Amino acid sequence: MSALDWAESMSGRVSFDTTDYNQGWWQGTPCAFHLDLHVDDVERFFADDEHEATCTGWIDCDGLGERMEIAEGRFNLLVAAGGARRREMRYRLFAHDRAGRPLTLAGFKEVEDGWFRDTWVDTTTLFTRLYAGWVTRDEEEGATPLATGVLHVSAGGFLGLIRSMRGRLRDKLHYGWFSARSLLQVYVGRSAAMGSTAFPGLHPGSERWQGFAPEEWHDCPARPGLRRRILAVRTEDDHDLTLHNIRGEAEPTAGPVLLQHGTGVRANLFYGSPMPRSIVDVLVDEGYDVWLGNWRGSIDLPECDYTLDDVARYDHPALIAAVLRETGAQTLKAVVHCQGSTSFALACAAGLVPEVTDVVSNAVSFHVDVPRLSKLQLQVLVPVFGFGYKGFDPQWTLRPTALRARVLATIARAVRRECREPVCQMANFTYGAGGNILWDHANLDPPTHRWLAREFGWVPVTFFRQMARCAGAGHLIAASGYDEIPEEVVSCAPRNRPRWTFLAGSANRCFLARSQERSFAWLDGLDPGRHALVELPGYTHLDVFFGRHAERDVFGHIVEALLGTSNPSGS
């Protein structure tokens, strides 16, 4: 029986104010550990599925005082984790703080195949949580972490690990061969996943339910007095979506209203900000049964390629059918934003949403007008980056998942100097040219600005290619060849004719206010006096929903539109 020993050091940051890995890394305090790892039986180590070594050493975290000696620790090397192309390297370290209280550091390295994953980043990035008490893996799901963040192995640290290895030469070679073979099994071959990993977790797919049991009512996070349930929806083309149903204490009296987010965000866009009252609070108070869809562009769902046509053809009809089935209603109203709006416009043009009576659309719908530099960015950069990128993810500025991701994140941070928040920089870079593309920073309070750092994620190049064509044409252009959807969307009247109210931020530089003005003029020509245009002075793109004065300046217009009392001439 032979033994093997080596050492490993990692450092990074963890935050005691969040349970999100990326935010913990960006906003947290320094945290590090040094491990001396030991395998007493090398043959057993490689033969056993858990590939477990024991650890001693220390943990050092600024928020916990003095350096803590590890009383007991375990490390698992590249264990199978939910698929042939996925492995994990797991760490569980037990220590005591200076007051003698037990503490656990639990972490995992997620080694997974994907377009925007590489071996170096995966094997040197540790998603880390600290827990009060000695918490086992089985107990971790129900435990509340003290701190969350990310630790890394440096290049020098990796070389130090190799140099520190002690044991027989053949055992060292066996360790290297086992590691190399496992990594080849993960990474060699056609990529099986998009792999942006915006929301890493111990339990894949848990983000879809946001930590709650499917379909069960629970208190709506950060929204006192509201309760929520999350339901599964499956589309005709086999994509899994979700619906968030939010209600107050009283039963709804005004029927269902469905809210649809833009691309690369999620349903929480409408109610998750730390502002005192969201549009969801207001709609619940008005008696509406509020439903929020997570269509395939949501960051709560697995990454995929898609076009607006796919969303129009499959997602909106499936979500609407689910709401009507759950409520027993025959019709519903909708509030749609950005690409939730353009795809909804395509669905109306195709006659796919006949149950919808009223639509409130923000920012863009049938017509697409963007600033000249943004159009140039779409028409030049999208084809260039399309050769090496399947999509873009603002989270790369916090935690790039590959060298290519780091390159683009560095460019975005160099170009966007009006804000120091990394995700804000890349989100605005991704969706336009110039400053304040997605919001006017003067309209956001600091807590909301910080919250936004976790609400943007992966968007595929397939979407940007279609949007480049639409921007060039000045209106929606179909991209997927579905028979129901006309290629030139504004070449004929929509087959579904709900009443539309168009919201247009006067300072919107993501999509110019003229986009909504043209769509209103077009529909008003088809149905004079039926539709409405509401200009929002001083607002841009997303601050319409979470600007510091949005309740005062915007939400009343949305309620009036749903009631059918908006001023058709615009106000």
Protein backbone atom coordinates (compact mmCIF):
# COMPACT_ATOMS: atom_id res chain seq x y z
CA MET A 1 0.00 0.00 0.00
CA SER A 2 1.52 3.33 -1.08
CA ALA A 3 0.70 6.92 -0.13
CA LEU A 4 0.57 10.22 -2.02
CA ASP A 5 0.82 13.75 -0.63
CA TRP A 6 0.56 17.22 -2.16
CA ALA A 7 -0.34 20.81 -1.22
CA GLU A 8 -2.78 23.32 -2.69
CA SER A 9 -3.51 26.99 -1.97
CA MET A 10 -6.48 29.06 -3.18
CA SER A 11 -7.57 32.64 -2.62
CA GLY A 12 -10.42 34.91 -3.61
CA ARG A 13 -13.33 36.74 -2.00
CA VAL A 14 -16.57 35.85 -0.23
CA SER A 15 -19.42 38.08 0.87
CA PHE A 16 -21.56 37.76 4.00
CA ASP A 17 -24.35 39.74 2.29
CA THR A 18 -25.28 37.48 -0.63
CA THR A 19 -25.82 33.83 -1.51
CA ASP A 20 -24.76 34.41 -5.12
CA TYR A 21 -21.28 33.28 -6.15
CA ASN A 22 -20.55 36.04 -8.68
CA GLN A 23 -21.76 38.85 -6.44
CA GLY A 24 -19.82 37.39 -3.54
CA TRP A 25 -16.65 37.42 -5.63
CA TRP A 26 -17.17 41.00 -6.77
CA GLN A 27 -18.41 42.56 -3.53
CA GLY A 28 -16.76 40.32 -0.93
CA THR A 29 -13.80 40.32 1.45
CA PRO A 30 -10.59 38.27 1.06
CA CYS A 31 -10.71 34.57 1.82
CA ALA A 32 -8.03 31.92 1.34
CA PHE A 33 -6.97 28.46 2.40
CA HIS A 34 -3.92 26.23 2.28
CA LEU A 35 -4.31 22.46 2.22
CA ASP A 36 -1.95 19.58 2.80
CA LEU A 37 -3.66 16.63 1.11
CA HIS A 38 -2.99 12.98 1.84
CA VAL A 39 -3.96 9.68 0.25
CA ASP A 40 -2.96 6.70 2.36
CA ASP A 41 -3.89 4.06 -0.24
CA VAL A 42 -3.31 5.15 -3.83
CA GLU A 43 -4.94 2.08 -5.39
CA ARG A 44 -8.10 2.64 -3.35
CA PHE A 45 -8.09 6.35 -4.21
CA PHE A 46 -8.28 5.68 -7.93
CA ALA A 47 -10.54 2.63 -7.74
CA ASP A 48 -13.20 4.24 -5.53
CA ASP A 49 -15.83 6.38 -7.29
CA GLU A 50 -15.38 9.18 -4.74
CA HIS A 51 -11.58 9.53 -5.26
CA GLU A 52 -11.31 10.99 -1.76
CA ALA A 53 -8.24 12.43 -0.02
CA THR A 54 -7.99 13.87 3.50
CA CYS A 55 -6.91 17.45 4.21
CA THR A 56 -5.23 19.47 6.91
CA GLY A 57 -4.12 23.09 6.80
CA TRP A 58 -5.79 26.44 7.48
CA ILE A 59 -8.57 28.81 6.39
CA ASP A 60 -8.17 32.58 6.52
CA CYS A 61 -11.22 34.83 6.04
CA ASP A 62 -11.28 38.55 6.85
CA GLY A 63 -14.84 38.40 8.13
CA LEU A 64 -14.06 35.67 10.68
CA GLY A 65 -10.99 36.99 12.46
CA GLU A 66 -7.87 34.92 12.98
CA ARG A 67 -6.57 32.16 10.72
CA MET A 68 -8.39 28.90 11.52
CA GLU A 69 -6.77 25.49 11.62
CA ILE A 70 -8.63 22.79 9.71
CA ALA A 71 -9.71 20.09 12.14
CA GLU A 72 -10.88 17.72 9.43
CA GLY A 73 -11.13 17.98 5.67
CA ARG A 74 -11.97 15.99 2.56
CA PHE A 75 -11.21 16.47 -1.13
CA ASN A 76 -12.77 14.55 -4.04
CA LEU A 77 -10.98 14.51 -7.41
CA LEU A 78 -13.04 14.76 -10.61
CA VAL A 79 -16.04 12.71 -9.44
CA ALA A 80 -18.92 12.04 -11.83
CA ALA A 81 -21.61 14.67 -11.43
CA GLY A 82 -24.74 14.23 -13.49
CA GLY A 83 -23.44 13.27 -16.91
CA ALA A 84 -20.60 11.83 -18.96
CA ARG A 85 -19.37 15.33 -19.82
CA ARG A 86 -19.48 16.72 -16.29
CA ARG A 87 -17.19 16.25 -13.29
CA GLU A 88 -16.74 18.03 -9.98
CA MET A 89 -13.78 18.56 -7.67
CA ARG A 90 -15.23 18.88 -4.17
CA TYR A 91 -13.83 20.37 -0.97
CA ARG A 92 -15.30 20.14 2.53
CA LEU A 93 -13.22 21.66 5.32
CA PHE A 94 -14.21 21.71 9.00
CA ALA A 95 -12.68 24.27 11.37
CA HIS A 96 -13.40 26.40 14.47
CA ASP A 97 -13.42 30.19 14.56
CA ARG A 98 -11.59 32.13 17.28
CA ALA A 99 -14.61 31.80 19.60
CA GLY A 100 -14.52 28.02 19.21
CA ARG A 101 -17.63 27.84 17.06
CA PRO A 102 -17.61 25.12 14.36
CA LEU A 103 -17.50 26.28 10.75
CA THR A 104 -17.58 24.54 7.35
CA LEU A 105 -16.03 25.66 4.08
CA ALA A 106 -17.73 23.80 1.23
CA GLY A 107 -16.70 24.28 -2.37
CA PHE A 108 -16.77 22.68 -5.79
CA LYS A 109 -15.02 23.13 -9.09
CA GLU A 110 -17.47 22.60 -11.94
CA VAL A 111 -15.72 20.81 -14.79
CA GLU A 112 -18.14 20.68 -17.71
CA ASP A 113 -18.08 20.67 -21.48
CA GLY A 114 -19.33 23.79 -23.23
CA TRP A 115 -18.69 26.37 -25.92
CA PHE A 116 -17.49 28.98 -23.44
CA ARG A 117 -15.74 26.77 -20.94
CA ASP A 118 -12.08 25.89 -20.89
CA THR A 119 -10.06 23.42 -18.84
CA TRP A 120 -7.92 25.97 -17.05
CA VAL A 121 -10.80 28.09 -15.77
CA ASP A 122 -12.90 25.09 -14.76
CA THR A 123 -10.13 23.37 -12.80
CA THR A 124 -8.92 26.52 -11.02
CA THR A 125 -12.27 28.12 -10.03
CA LEU A 126 -13.82 27.06 -6.71
CA PHE A 127 -17.42 28.06 -5.97
CA THR A 128 -17.27 28.52 -2.22
CA ARG A 129 -19.67 28.79 0.71
CA LEU A 130 -19.08 29.07 4.44
CA TYR A 131 -21.57 27.60 6.91
CA ALA A 132 -22.02 27.83 10.67
CA GLY A 133 -21.55 24.39 12.19
CA TRP A 134 -20.11 21.28 10.61
CA VAL A 135 -22.37 20.76 7.60
CA THR A 136 -22.28 17.56 5.53
CA ARG A 137 -23.04 17.46 1.82
CA ASP A 138 -26.47 15.96 2.49
CA GLU A 139 -27.27 18.73 4.98
CA GLU A 140 -26.06 21.55 2.74
CA GLU A 141 -29.22 21.90 0.65
CA GLY A 142 -31.26 23.02 3.66
CA ALA A 143 -28.53 25.12 5.28
CA THR A 144 -28.19 28.90 5.03
CA PRO A 145 -24.65 29.98 4.14
CA LEU A 146 -22.79 32.57 6.17
CA ALA A 147 -20.84 33.72 3.13
CA THR A 148 -20.61 32.96 -0.59
CA GLY A 149 -17.97 33.68 -3.19
CA VAL A 150 -15.28 32.34 -5.52
CA LEU A 151 -11.69 31.27 -4.90
CA HIS A 152 -9.02 30.66 -7.53
CA VAL A 153 -5.77 28.78 -8.03
CA SER A 154 -3.13 31.02 -9.61
CA ALA A 155 -0.71 29.81 -12.28
CA GLY A 156 2.04 29.92 -9.67
CA GLY A 157 -0.18 28.02 -7.25
CA PHE A 158 -0.77 25.29 -9.82
CA LEU A 159 2.97 24.89 -10.41
CA GLY A 160 3.44 24.79 -6.64
CA LEU A 161 0.89 21.96 -6.43
CA ILE A 162 2.84 19.93 -8.99
CA ARG A 163 6.16 20.56 -7.26
CA SER A 164 4.73 19.65 -3.84
CA MET A 165 3.61 16.15 -4.83
CA ARG A 166 5.36 13.45 -2.77
CA GLY A 167 5.18 9.71 -3.38
CA ARG A 168 6.34 7.02 -5.76
CA LEU A 169 6.90 8.15 -9.35
CA ARG A 170 4.36 5.71 -10.71
CA ASP A 171 1.72 7.02 -8.29
CA LYS A 172 2.40 10.58 -9.43
CA LEU A 173 2.09 9.46 -13.05
CA HIS A 174 -1.14 7.60 -12.20
CA TYR A 175 -2.54 10.84 -10.69
CA GLY A 176 -1.60 12.76 -13.84
CA TRP A 177 -3.00 10.11 -16.17
CA PHE A 178 -6.27 9.84 -14.22
CA SER A 179 -6.71 13.63 -14.31
CA ALA A 180 -5.86 13.89 -18.00
CA ARG A 181 -8.15 10.99 -18.97
CA SER A 182 -11.06 12.45 -16.98
CA LEU A 183 -10.59 15.86 -18.62
CA LEU A 184 -10.39 14.31 -22.09
CA GLN A 185 -13.69 12.54 -21.44
CA VAL A 186 -15.25 15.90 -20.57
CA TYR A 187 -13.81 18.17 -23.24
CA VAL A 188 -12.97 16.09 -26.32
CA GLY A 189 -15.73 15.89 -28.89
CA ARG A 190 -18.47 18.17 -30.04
CA SER A 191 -19.51 20.60 -27.30
CA ALA A 192 -22.66 19.34 -25.63
CA ALA A 193 -23.72 22.53 -23.88
CA MET A 194 -23.65 26.29 -24.37
CA GLY A 195 -21.81 26.55 -21.10
CA SER A 196 -22.01 30.13 -19.89
CA THR A 197 -22.70 28.93 -16.33
CA ALA A 198 -24.30 32.17 -15.22
CA PHE A 199 -25.84 30.49 -12.16
CA PRO A 200 -23.61 27.64 -10.92
CA GLY A 201 -25.12 25.45 -8.23
CA LEU A 202 -24.67 22.15 -6.48
CA HIS A 203 -27.92 20.94 -7.95
CA PRO A 204 -28.20 21.55 -11.74
CA GLY A 205 -31.56 22.98 -12.72
CA SER A 206 -32.31 24.42 -9.29
CA GLU A 207 -32.17 27.96 -10.68
CA ARG A 208 -35.35 27.27 -12.61
CA TRP A 209 -37.20 27.02 -9.29
CA GLN A 210 -35.07 29.61 -7.45
CA GLY A 211 -34.64 27.33 -4.46
CA PHE A 212 -38.34 26.56 -3.89
CA ALA A 213 -40.45 23.48 -4.54
CA PRO A 214 -42.27 23.61 -7.89
CA GLU A 215 -45.92 24.72 -7.75
CA GLU A 216 -45.92 25.33 -3.98
CA TRP A 217 -46.93 28.76 -2.67
CA HIS A 218 -44.24 30.58 -0.69
CA ASP A 219 -43.54 34.11 0.50
CA CYS A 220 -42.34 36.15 -2.46
CA PRO A 221 -38.67 37.06 -1.80
CA ALA A 222 -38.17 40.75 -0.92
CA ARG A 223 -41.88 41.49 -1.48
CA PRO A 224 -43.66 41.57 1.91
CA GLY A 225 -47.34 40.71 1.64
CA LEU A 226 -46.98 38.86 -1.65
CA ARG A 227 -46.85 35.12 -2.21
CA ARG A 228 -45.49 33.25 -5.21
CA ARG A 229 -45.51 29.88 -6.89
CA ILE A 230 -43.44 28.73 -9.87
CA LEU A 231 -45.00 26.39 -12.44
CA ALA A 232 -43.46 24.34 -15.22
CA VAL A 233 -44.48 24.90 -18.84
CA ARG A 234 -43.33 22.79 -21.79
CA THR A 235 -43.48 24.02 -25.36
CA GLU A 236 -44.47 22.11 -28.47
CA ASP A 237 -40.80 21.98 -29.50
CA ASP A 238 -39.79 20.54 -26.10
CA HIS A 239 -38.34 23.56 -24.31
CA ASP A 240 -38.94 23.83 -20.57
CA LEU A 241 -40.19 27.25 -19.42
CA THR A 242 -41.58 28.53 -16.13
CA LEU A 243 -44.38 30.81 -14.95
CA HIS A 244 -44.24 32.88 -11.77
CA ASN A 245 -47.71 33.44 -10.31
CA ILE A 246 -47.78 36.24 -7.72
CA ARG A 247 -50.75 37.21 -5.56
CA GLY A 248 -51.49 39.20 -2.43
CA GLU A 249 -53.53 38.26 0.61
CA ALA A 250 -56.84 38.77 -1.21
CA GLU A 251 -57.99 36.72 -4.15
CA PRO A 252 -57.62 38.54 -7.52
CA THR A 253 -60.69 40.21 -8.98
CA ALA A 254 -59.49 41.73 -12.28
CA GLY A 255 -58.41 38.66 -14.26
CA PRO A 256 -54.97 37.48 -15.37
CA VAL A 257 -52.18 39.67 -16.73
CA LEU A 258 -49.01 38.14 -18.19
CA LEU A 259 -45.67 39.99 -18.05
CA GLN A 260 -42.89 39.02 -20.49
CA HIS A 261 -39.27 40.05 -19.95
CA GLY A 262 -36.58 40.88 -22.53
CA THR A 263 -33.71 38.69 -23.65
CA GLY A 264 -30.89 37.68 -21.30
CA VAL A 265 -32.82 38.56 -18.14
CA ARG A 266 -35.72 36.82 -16.33
CA ALA A 267 -39.15 37.26 -14.77
CA ASN A 268 -37.58 38.78 -11.64
CA LEU A 269 -36.89 41.88 -13.72
CA PHE A 270 -40.39 43.09 -12.90
CA TYR A 271 -40.39 42.56 -9.14
CA GLY A 272 -36.94 41.62 -7.85
CA SER A 273 -35.39 45.07 -7.43
CA PRO A 274 -34.99 46.55 -3.93
CA MET A 275 -37.27 49.50 -4.76
CA PRO A 276 -40.18 49.80 -2.26
CA ARG A 277 -42.94 48.99 -4.78
CA SER A 278 -42.62 47.22 -8.10
CA ILE A 279 -45.04 47.06 -11.02
CA VAL A 280 -46.10 43.65 -9.67
CA ASP A 281 -47.08 45.19 -6.30
CA VAL A 282 -49.15 47.79 -8.13
CA LEU A 283 -50.91 45.27 -10.37
CA VAL A 284 -51.71 42.99 -7.41
CA ASP A 285 -53.19 45.99 -5.57
CA GLU A 286 -55.34 46.67 -8.63
CA GLY A 287 -56.80 43.17 -8.30
CA TYR A 288 -54.95 41.44 -11.12
CA ASP A 289 -53.87 37.82 -11.02
CA VAL A 290 -50.23 38.42 -11.98
CA TRP A 291 -48.27 35.93 -14.07
CA LEU A 292 -44.69 36.34 -15.28
CA GLY A 293 -43.26 34.14 -17.98
CA ASN A 294 -39.72 32.87 -18.28
CA TRP A 295 -39.42 32.21 -22.01
CA ARG A 296 -36.38 30.49 -23.53
CA GLY A 297 -34.27 33.66 -23.35
CA SER A 298 -34.49 33.68 -19.54
CA ILE A 299 -31.30 33.31 -17.50
CA ASP A 300 -33.23 30.96 -15.20
CA LEU A 301 -33.32 28.39 -18.02
CA PRO A 302 -30.61 26.41 -19.84
CA GLU A 303 -28.78 28.39 -22.52
CA CYS A 304 -29.87 27.73 -26.10
CA ASP A 305 -29.79 29.22 -29.58
CA TYR A 306 -33.05 30.87 -30.57
CA THR A 307 -34.66 33.49 -32.75
CA LEU A 308 -37.59 35.77 -32.01
CA ASP A 309 -39.62 33.55 -34.34
CA ASP A 310 -39.06 30.56 -32.04
CA VAL A 311 -40.35 32.54 -29.08
CA ALA A 312 -43.38 33.76 -31.04
CA ARG A 313 -44.20 30.35 -32.46
CA TYR A 314 -43.80 28.27 -29.32
CA ASP A 315 -43.17 30.16 -26.07
CA HIS A 316 -45.87 32.83 -25.97
CA PRO A 317 -48.67 30.44 -26.99
CA ALA A 318 -47.53 27.86 -24.42
CA LEU A 319 -47.31 30.39 -21.58
CA ILE A 320 -50.68 31.92 -22.44
CA ALA A 321 -52.31 28.49 -22.62
CA ALA A 322 -50.89 27.61 -19.20
CA VAL A 323 -52.21 30.82 -17.61
CA LEU A 324 -55.68 30.30 -19.05
CA ARG A 325 -55.68 26.67 -17.98
CA GLU A 326 -54.69 27.56 -14.42
CA THR A 327 -57.13 30.47 -14.07
CA GLY A 328 -60.08 29.21 -16.09
CA ALA A 329 -60.16 32.57 -17.89
CA GLN A 330 -60.93 32.88 -21.59
CA THR A 331 -58.71 35.91 -22.22
CA LEU A 332 -55.82 37.78 -20.64
CA LYS A 333 -53.86 41.03 -20.88
CA ALA A 334 -50.11 41.36 -21.35
CA VAL A 335 -47.26 43.68 -20.41
CA VAL A 336 -44.29 42.98 -22.68
CA HIS A 337 -40.79 44.44 -22.69
CA CYS A 338 -38.10 44.67 -25.38
CA GLN A 339 -37.58 41.25 -27.03
CA GLY A 340 -40.52 39.92 -25.07
CA SER A 341 -42.39 42.61 -27.01
CA THR A 342 -40.88 42.07 -30.47
CA SER A 343 -41.52 38.33 -30.24
CA PHE A 344 -45.05 39.07 -29.00
CA ALA A 345 -45.54 41.33 -32.02
CA LEU A 346 -44.45 38.46 -34.26
CA ALA A 347 -46.95 36.19 -32.51
CA CYS A 348 -49.73 38.73 -33.12
CA ALA A 349 -48.72 39.10 -36.76
CA ALA A 350 -48.93 35.32 -37.13
CA GLY A 351 -52.29 35.01 -35.35
CA LEU A 352 -50.84 32.84 -32.57
CA VAL A 353 -52.21 34.74 -29.54
CA PRO A 354 -55.94 35.31 -30.15
CA GLU A 355 -56.72 35.17 -26.41
CA VAL A 356 -54.92 38.46 -25.68
CA THR A 357 -57.16 41.54 -25.50
CA ASP A 358 -54.71 44.27 -24.40
CA VAL A 359 -50.95 44.68 -24.76
CA VAL A 360 -48.71 47.21 -23.04
CA SER A 361 -45.40 47.27 -24.91
CA ASN A 362 -42.22 48.93 -23.71
CA ALA A 363 -39.33 50.16 -25.86
CA VAL A 364 -39.76 48.30 -29.16
CA SER A 365 -42.33 46.21 -30.98
CA PHE A 366 -43.10 46.06 -34.72
CA HIS A 367 -40.60 48.72 -35.81
CA VAL A 368 -36.91 48.85 -34.94
CA ASP A 369 -34.98 52.13 -34.81
CA VAL A 370 -31.57 52.23 -33.13
CA PRO A 371 -28.86 54.92 -33.03
CA ARG A 372 -26.47 54.96 -35.98
CA LEU A 373 -23.50 53.67 -33.97
CA SER A 374 -25.58 50.84 -32.50
CA LYS A 375 -26.66 49.80 -36.00
CA LEU A 376 -23.01 49.82 -37.08
CA GLN A 377 -22.11 47.70 -34.04
CA LEU A 378 -24.80 45.16 -34.94
CA GLN A 379 -23.87 45.00 -38.61
CA VAL A 380 -20.08 44.89 -38.14
CA LEU A 381 -19.27 43.34 -34.78
CA VAL A 382 -21.93 40.61 -34.77
CA PRO A 383 -20.57 38.97 -37.96
CA VAL A 384 -16.99 39.34 -36.68
CA PHE A 385 -17.62 37.86 -33.25
CA GLY A 386 -20.02 35.31 -34.69
CA PHE A 387 -17.08 33.25 -35.94
CA GLY A 388 -15.72 32.58 -32.47
CA TYR A 389 -18.65 33.18 -30.13
CA LYS A 390 -21.97 31.40 -29.74
CA GLY A 391 -23.23 34.29 -27.62
CA PHE A 392 -22.36 36.89 -25.01
CA ASP A 393 -22.74 37.00 -21.23
CA PRO A 394 -22.32 40.14 -19.08
CA GLN A 395 -21.32 37.86 -16.18
CA TRP A 396 -17.99 37.34 -17.94
CA THR A 397 -16.79 40.66 -16.53
CA LEU A 398 -17.03 39.12 -13.05
CA ARG A 399 -16.07 35.55 -13.80
CA PRO A 400 -14.89 34.79 -17.36
CA THR A 401 -15.43 31.12 -18.14
CA ALA A 402 -12.76 30.93 -20.86
CA LEU A 403 -9.99 32.98 -22.47
CA ARG A 404 -12.36 34.18 -25.23
CA ALA A 405 -14.80 35.35 -22.59
CA ARG A 406 -12.05 37.25 -20.79
CA VAL A 407 -11.00 38.99 -24.02
CA LEU A 408 -14.48 40.30 -24.75
CA ALA A 409 -15.05 41.31 -21.13
CA THR A 410 -11.80 43.28 -21.17
CA ILE A 411 -12.87 45.12 -24.32
CA ALA A 412 -16.25 45.97 -22.80
CA ARG A 413 -14.70 47.32 -19.61
CA ALA A 414 -12.19 49.40 -21.58
CA VAL A 415 -14.91 50.93 -23.80
CA ARG A 416 -17.52 51.61 -21.13
CA ARG A 417 -16.00 54.06 -18.65
CA GLU A 418 -19.18 55.82 -17.47
CA CYS A 419 -19.72 53.20 -14.75
CA ARG A 420 -17.38 51.12 -12.59
CA GLU A 421 -19.75 48.17 -12.11
CA PRO A 422 -18.43 45.39 -14.42
CA VAL A 423 -21.76 43.77 -15.34
CA CYS A 424 -23.28 47.17 -16.00
CA GLN A 425 -20.37 47.95 -18.31
CA MET A 426 -20.73 44.81 -20.39
CA ALA A 427 -24.53 44.78 -20.42
CA ASN A 428 -24.55 48.28 -21.88
CA PHE A 429 -21.75 47.34 -24.31
CA THR A 430 -23.69 44.26 -25.45
CA TYR A 431 -26.91 46.11 -26.27
CA GLY A 432 -25.72 49.31 -27.93
CA ALA A 433 -23.08 51.94 -28.55
CA GLY A 434 -22.52 54.86 -26.20
CA GLY A 435 -23.36 55.44 -22.54
CA ASN A 436 -26.58 54.85 -20.58
CA ILE A 437 -27.96 52.39 -23.12
CA LEU A 438 -30.13 50.32 -20.79
CA TRP A 439 -30.80 52.93 -18.13
CA ASP A 440 -29.96 56.45 -17.14
CA HIS A 441 -27.77 56.02 -14.08
CA ALA A 442 -29.36 59.13 -12.57
CA ASN A 443 -32.67 57.23 -12.49
CA LEU A 444 -31.30 54.34 -10.38
CA ASP A 445 -30.64 54.28 -6.67
CA PRO A 446 -27.44 52.46 -5.54
CA PRO A 447 -29.15 49.29 -4.20
CA THR A 448 -30.96 48.81 -7.51
CA HIS A 449 -27.75 49.34 -9.44
CA ARG A 450 -26.04 46.64 -7.35
CA TRP A 451 -29.00 44.28 -7.77
CA LEU A 452 -28.78 44.58 -11.54
CA ALA A 453 -25.34 42.96 -11.50
CA ARG A 454 -26.98 39.54 -11.15
CA GLU A 455 -29.91 40.03 -13.50
CA PHE A 456 -28.09 39.82 -16.83
CA GLY A 457 -26.77 36.70 -18.50
CA TRP A 458 -26.34 34.72 -21.69
CA VAL A 459 -27.75 35.84 -25.06
CA PRO A 460 -27.04 33.83 -28.25
CA VAL A 461 -25.57 35.24 -31.45
CA THR A 462 -28.60 33.88 -33.34
CA PHE A 463 -30.70 36.57 -31.69
CA PHE A 464 -28.24 39.36 -32.55
CA ARG A 465 -28.07 38.24 -36.18
CA GLN A 466 -31.82 38.59 -36.49
CA MET A 467 -31.82 41.94 -34.70
CA ALA A 468 -29.12 43.23 -37.07
CA ARG A 469 -31.41 42.45 -40.01
CA CYS A 470 -34.36 44.11 -38.28
CA ALA A 471 -32.33 47.24 -37.50
CA GLY A 472 -31.23 47.43 -41.12
CA ALA A 473 -34.79 47.11 -42.38
CA GLY A 474 -36.30 49.37 -39.72
CA HIS A 475 -38.91 46.79 -38.76
CA LEU A 476 -39.21 43.15 -37.69
CA ILE A 477 -37.90 40.56 -40.13
CA ALA A 478 -38.71 36.88 -39.61
CA ALA A 479 -35.68 34.60 -39.47
CA SER A 480 -36.79 30.99 -39.08
CA GLY A 481 -39.12 30.33 -42.00
CA TYR A 482 -42.24 29.39 -40.07
CA ASP A 483 -45.27 29.36 -42.36
CA GLU A 484 -47.40 31.29 -39.87
CA ILE A 485 -45.04 34.26 -39.55
CA PRO A 486 -44.78 36.69 -42.48
CA GLU A 487 -41.17 37.50 -43.38
CA GLU A 488 -41.93 41.24 -43.70
CA VAL A 489 -43.99 41.60 -40.53
CA VAL A 490 -45.41 45.06 -41.30
CA SER A 491 -46.28 44.21 -44.90
CA CYS A 492 -49.83 43.27 -43.85
CA ALA A 493 -52.13 43.80 -40.89
CA PRO A 494 -51.55 41.54 -37.87
CA ARG A 495 -53.85 38.52 -37.73
CA ASN A 496 -54.47 39.16 -34.01
CA ARG A 497 -55.66 42.68 -33.17
CA PRO A 498 -55.48 43.37 -29.41
CA ARG A 499 -55.44 46.96 -28.20
CA TRP A 500 -51.83 48.16 -27.94
CA THR A 501 -50.37 50.84 -25.69
CA PHE A 502 -46.81 51.74 -26.65
CA LEU A 503 -44.46 53.05 -23.93
CA ALA A 504 -41.53 55.06 -25.26
CA GLY A 505 -38.77 56.43 -23.04
CA SER A 506 -37.80 59.76 -24.56
CA ALA A 507 -34.11 59.15 -23.71
CA ASN A 508 -34.01 55.50 -24.82
CA ARG A 509 -30.77 54.87 -26.73
CA CYS A 510 -31.15 51.10 -26.90
CA PHE A 511 -34.21 51.50 -29.14
CA LEU A 512 -35.10 55.04 -30.08
CA ALA A 513 -38.53 56.34 -29.12
CA ARG A 514 -39.23 56.55 -32.84
CA SER A 515 -39.54 52.73 -32.85
CA GLN A 516 -42.71 52.90 -30.78
CA GLU A 517 -43.94 56.06 -32.50
CA ARG A 518 -43.83 54.32 -35.87
CA SER A 519 -45.58 51.20 -34.55
CA PHE A 520 -48.33 53.34 -33.01
CA ALA A 521 -48.79 55.29 -36.26
CA TRP A 522 -48.99 52.05 -38.25
CA LEU A 523 -51.59 50.39 -36.01
CA ASP A 524 -53.49 53.66 -35.60
CA GLY A 525 -53.80 53.78 -39.37
CA LEU A 526 -55.32 50.30 -39.33
CA ASP A 527 -57.62 50.90 -36.31
CA PRO A 528 -57.96 54.68 -35.79
CA GLY A 529 -58.39 55.79 -32.19
CA ARG A 530 -58.02 52.32 -30.69
CA HIS A 531 -54.35 52.26 -29.68
CA ALA A 532 -52.23 54.59 -27.55
CA LEU A 533 -48.73 55.99 -27.36
CA VAL A 534 -47.28 57.17 -24.04
CA GLU A 535 -43.99 59.04 -24.04
CA LEU A 536 -42.01 58.86 -20.80
CA PRO A 537 -39.81 61.97 -20.46
CA GLY A 538 -36.37 61.30 -18.97
CA TYR A 539 -36.66 57.51 -19.13
CA THR A 540 -34.55 55.18 -21.22
CA HIS A 541 -34.99 51.42 -21.63
CA LEU A 542 -35.23 49.46 -18.37
CA ASP A 543 -35.51 52.24 -15.79
CA VAL A 544 -39.15 52.32 -16.89
CA PHE A 545 -39.63 49.37 -14.50
CA PHE A 546 -37.16 50.06 -11.69
CA GLY A 547 -36.23 53.71 -11.86
CA ARG A 548 -36.34 55.44 -8.48
CA HIS A 549 -39.52 57.32 -9.48
CA ALA A 550 -41.05 54.68 -11.78
CA GLU A 551 -44.06 54.17 -9.52
CA ARG A 552 -44.84 57.89 -9.73
CA ASP A 553 -44.03 58.40 -13.41
CA VAL A 554 -44.74 55.11 -15.18
CA PHE A 555 -46.84 52.54 -13.36
CA GLY A 556 -50.02 54.58 -13.52
CA HIS A 557 -49.78 54.62 -17.32
CA ILE A 558 -49.52 50.82 -17.36
CA VAL A 559 -52.59 50.44 -15.14
CA GLU A 560 -54.56 52.92 -17.31
CA ALA A 561 -53.53 51.02 -20.43
CA LEU A 562 -54.76 47.72 -19.00
CA LEU A 563 -58.04 49.41 -18.07
CA GLY A 564 -58.30 50.82 -21.59
CA THR A 565 -58.21 54.46 -20.47
CA SER A 566 -54.87 55.53 -22.01
CA ASN A 567 -54.89 58.71 -24.08
CA PRO A 568 -54.65 57.58 -27.72
CA SER A 569 -52.83 60.78 -28.70
CA GLY A 570 -50.02 60.08 -26.21
CA SER A 571 -49.10 61.94 -23.06
